[in-house]
Amino acid sequence: MHVTVTFRHMETTEPLRTYAEEKTDRLAKYLSEPIEVHWVLTVEKIRHLADATIIGSGVSIKAQGDTADMYSAIDMAIEKLETQVRKHKEKVKAHKPVNHAEPSSIRYAVPAGESAAEEGGAPKIVKKENQFAKPMSVDEAAMQMSIAGTDFLVFMDSTTSNISVLYKLGNGDYGLIETQAR
């Protein structure tokens, strides 16, 4: 977390700077990196203002503390920021997409050879297998296929979260079937 403190219409004091930085550390548990926090501490006649702005990953939050003492103005601004940041975190958590880290289960069947088609009937399913589609990139899927020595691999594409099939072609190259949900 990067914290900057600016003083306006007052002398720069190290105790105020460290106090603002220490209080800002309370917000780190609610936001993910990178985070920038800008403090502007101002004195106007008898008012002490502490303006804070948080700029983080996808969020910009502002708060102001206004009292007769600069330390209490910083405390007031931190309380407001903490409330807003907590609300933001809950909102993000509530709208978060389904976690795709868990593999999906896929069923596929290998049809019987040409004998069923020659007889004029529909091909019969002679083997059923359950397979888990693990999230991985296309490059990781190709590596898994070469390690396992298989001709095809069903996996969940980690970039699109769609089920894909990687298969080996006759010349040693790979083919890719990508699915899309409607």
Protein backbone atom coordinates (compact mmCIF):
# COMPACT_ATOMS: atom_id res chain seq x y z
CA MET A 1 0.00 0.00 0.00
CA HIS A 2 1.37 3.39 -1.01
CA VAL A 3 0.41 6.29 1.28
CA THR A 4 1.11 9.95 0.57
CA VAL A 5 0.37 12.79 3.00
CA THR A 6 0.13 16.40 1.86
CA PHE A 7 -0.02 19.35 4.28
CA ARG A 8 -1.80 22.57 3.31
CA HIS A 9 -1.77 25.81 5.28
CA MET A 10 0.17 24.15 8.08
CA GLU A 11 3.66 22.94 8.92
CA THR A 12 4.70 19.45 7.94
CA THR A 13 4.88 17.31 11.08
CA GLU A 14 6.21 13.78 11.19
CA PRO A 15 3.88 12.62 14.03
CA LEU A 16 0.79 13.55 11.96
CA ARG A 17 2.23 11.84 8.88
CA THR A 18 2.96 8.59 10.76
CA TYR A 19 -0.45 8.73 12.51
CA ALA A 20 -2.25 8.96 9.15
CA GLU A 21 -0.11 6.15 7.70
CA GLU A 22 -0.71 3.86 10.70
CA LYS A 23 -4.46 4.46 10.62
CA THR A 24 -4.49 3.73 6.88
CA ASP A 25 -3.05 0.27 7.51
CA ARG A 26 -6.43 -0.75 8.99
CA LEU A 27 -7.90 -0.61 5.47
CA ALA A 28 -5.45 -3.09 3.94
CA LYS A 29 -7.53 -6.09 5.05
CA TYR A 30 -10.47 -4.92 2.92
CA LEU A 31 -8.66 -4.09 -0.33
CA SER A 32 -6.37 -6.05 -2.60
CA GLU A 33 -3.12 -4.60 -3.93
CA PRO A 34 -2.17 -2.26 -5.57
CA ILE A 35 -3.63 0.49 -3.41
CA GLU A 36 -2.77 4.18 -3.26
CA VAL A 37 -4.03 6.37 -0.43
CA HIS A 38 -3.70 10.15 -0.66
CA TRP A 39 -4.17 12.28 2.47
CA VAL A 40 -4.58 16.05 2.34
CA LEU A 41 -4.41 17.64 5.79
CA THR A 42 -5.60 21.26 5.84
CA VAL A 43 -6.12 23.95 8.46
CA GLU A 44 -8.75 26.64 7.72
CA LYS A 45 -9.02 29.21 10.52
CA ILE A 46 -10.29 27.00 13.37
CA ARG A 47 -11.30 23.94 11.27
CA HIS A 48 -9.01 20.98 10.73
CA LEU A 49 -9.80 18.96 7.59
CA ALA A 50 -8.50 15.52 6.74
CA ASP A 51 -9.37 14.45 3.17
CA ALA A 52 -8.50 10.91 2.15
CA THR A 53 -8.77 9.29 -1.26
CA ILE A 54 -8.26 5.59 -1.91
CA ILE A 55 -7.44 4.49 -5.43
CA GLY A 56 -7.29 0.73 -5.73
CA SER A 57 -8.01 -2.06 -8.14
CA GLY A 58 -11.31 -0.94 -9.62
CA VAL A 59 -12.31 1.40 -6.79
CA SER A 60 -11.96 5.08 -5.90
CA ILE A 61 -13.27 6.11 -2.47
CA LYS A 62 -13.17 9.53 -0.81
CA ALA A 63 -13.88 10.65 2.76
CA GLN A 64 -13.42 13.78 4.83
CA GLY A 65 -13.02 14.42 8.54
CA ASP A 66 -13.79 17.92 9.85
CA THR A 67 -13.15 18.75 13.53
CA ALA A 68 -11.25 21.16 15.75
CA ASP A 69 -8.35 18.69 16.16
CA MET A 70 -6.33 17.14 13.28
CA TYR A 71 -5.95 13.73 14.97
CA SER A 72 -9.71 13.41 15.47
CA ALA A 73 -10.27 14.60 11.87
CA ILE A 74 -8.02 11.76 10.67
CA ASP A 75 -9.94 9.30 12.89
CA MET A 76 -13.26 10.54 11.50
CA ALA A 77 -12.05 10.16 7.90
CA ILE A 78 -10.72 6.64 8.62
CA GLU A 79 -14.06 5.57 10.11
CA LYS A 80 -15.89 6.82 7.01
CA LEU A 81 -13.37 5.15 4.70
CA GLU A 82 -13.58 1.86 6.58
CA THR A 83 -17.38 1.86 6.29
CA GLN A 84 -17.24 2.56 2.55
CA VAL A 85 -14.48 0.04 1.90
CA ARG A 86 -16.34 -2.65 3.88
CA LYS A 87 -19.49 -1.97 1.81
CA HIS A 88 -17.45 -2.17 -1.38
CA LYS A 89 -15.91 -5.49 -0.35
CA GLU A 90 -19.34 -6.97 0.48
CA LYS A 91 -20.71 -5.73 -2.83
CA VAL A 92 -17.83 -7.33 -4.75
CA LYS A 93 -18.19 -10.55 -2.77
CA ALA A 94 -21.96 -10.70 -3.44
CA HIS A 95 -21.50 -10.13 -7.18
CA LYS A 96 -18.50 -12.36 -7.58
CA PRO A 97 -18.91 -14.96 -10.34
CA VAL A 98 -19.05 -18.63 -9.45
CA ASN A 99 -15.66 -19.99 -8.48
CA HIS A 100 -14.36 -22.03 -11.40
CA ALA A 101 -11.44 -23.45 -9.45
CA GLU A 102 -13.43 -26.62 -8.84
CA PRO A 103 -13.34 -28.97 -11.80
CA SER A 104 -16.59 -29.69 -13.61
CA SER A 105 -17.69 -33.25 -14.21
CA ILE A 106 -18.15 -34.31 -17.83
CA ARG A 107 -19.54 -37.53 -19.21
CA TYR A 108 -18.52 -38.76 -22.58
CA ALA A 109 -19.10 -42.01 -24.38
CA VAL A 110 -17.02 -43.85 -26.91
CA PRO A 111 -19.27 -45.38 -29.58
CA ALA A 112 -18.80 -48.96 -30.65
CA GLY A 113 -16.91 -49.43 -33.90
CA GLU A 114 -18.37 -49.66 -37.39
CA SER A 115 -20.10 -52.98 -36.74
CA ALA A 116 -23.28 -51.38 -35.44
CA ALA A 117 -23.45 -49.00 -38.40
CA GLU A 118 -22.95 -51.88 -40.86
CA GLU A 119 -25.92 -53.73 -39.39
CA GLY A 120 -28.12 -50.73 -40.18
CA GLY A 121 -28.85 -49.94 -36.53
CA ALA A 122 -27.71 -47.01 -34.46
CA PRO A 123 -24.28 -47.31 -32.87
CA LYS A 124 -24.31 -48.62 -29.32
CA ILE A 125 -22.53 -47.04 -26.43
CA VAL A 126 -20.21 -49.69 -25.08
CA LYS A 127 -18.12 -47.64 -22.68
CA LYS A 128 -19.00 -44.77 -20.36
CA GLU A 129 -16.50 -42.74 -18.42
CA ASN A 130 -16.60 -39.79 -16.03
CA GLN A 131 -13.88 -37.21 -16.37
CA PHE A 132 -13.23 -34.00 -14.47
CA ALA A 133 -12.57 -30.90 -16.56
CA LYS A 134 -9.83 -29.10 -14.66
CA PRO A 135 -9.26 -25.37 -15.26
CA MET A 136 -6.07 -24.86 -17.28
CA SER A 137 -4.72 -22.97 -20.27
CA VAL A 138 -4.46 -24.51 -23.74
CA ASP A 139 -0.67 -24.79 -23.35
CA GLU A 140 -1.08 -26.63 -20.04
CA ALA A 141 -3.61 -28.98 -21.66
CA ALA A 142 -1.14 -29.80 -24.47
CA MET A 143 1.55 -30.50 -21.88
CA GLN A 144 -0.84 -32.76 -19.91
CA MET A 145 -1.68 -34.68 -23.11
CA SER A 146 1.97 -35.25 -23.95
CA ILE A 147 2.73 -36.37 -20.40
CA ALA A 148 -0.27 -38.72 -20.22
CA GLY A 149 0.19 -39.97 -23.80
CA THR A 150 -3.52 -39.60 -24.61
CA ASP A 151 -5.12 -38.64 -27.92
CA PHE A 152 -7.55 -36.09 -26.45
CA LEU A 153 -8.18 -34.11 -23.28
CA VAL A 154 -11.33 -32.41 -22.01
CA PHE A 155 -10.56 -29.36 -19.89
CA MET A 156 -11.96 -26.01 -18.74
CA ASP A 157 -10.19 -23.11 -20.45
CA SER A 158 -8.99 -20.88 -17.61
CA THR A 159 -9.22 -17.72 -19.74
CA THR A 160 -12.81 -18.19 -20.99
CA SER A 161 -14.19 -20.63 -18.37
CA ASN A 162 -15.66 -22.72 -21.21
CA ILE A 163 -15.25 -26.45 -21.69
CA SER A 164 -12.76 -27.28 -24.46
CA VAL A 165 -11.40 -30.44 -26.06
CA LEU A 166 -7.82 -30.74 -27.25
CA TYR A 167 -7.10 -33.65 -29.58
CA LYS A 168 -4.09 -35.00 -31.45
CA LEU A 169 -4.12 -34.90 -35.25
CA GLY A 170 -2.54 -37.54 -37.49
CA ASN A 171 0.49 -35.38 -38.30
CA GLY A 172 1.34 -34.82 -34.60
CA ASP A 173 -0.24 -31.37 -34.31
CA TYR A 174 -3.17 -30.61 -32.04
CA GLY A 175 -6.76 -29.61 -32.75
CA LEU A 176 -8.92 -27.58 -30.35
CA ILE A 177 -12.70 -27.63 -29.94
CA GLU A 178 -14.02 -24.67 -27.94
CA THR A 179 -17.54 -24.57 -26.55
CA GLN A 180 -19.66 -21.53 -25.85
CA ALA A 181 -22.73 -21.37 -23.63
CA ARG A 182 -25.76 -19.60 -25.06
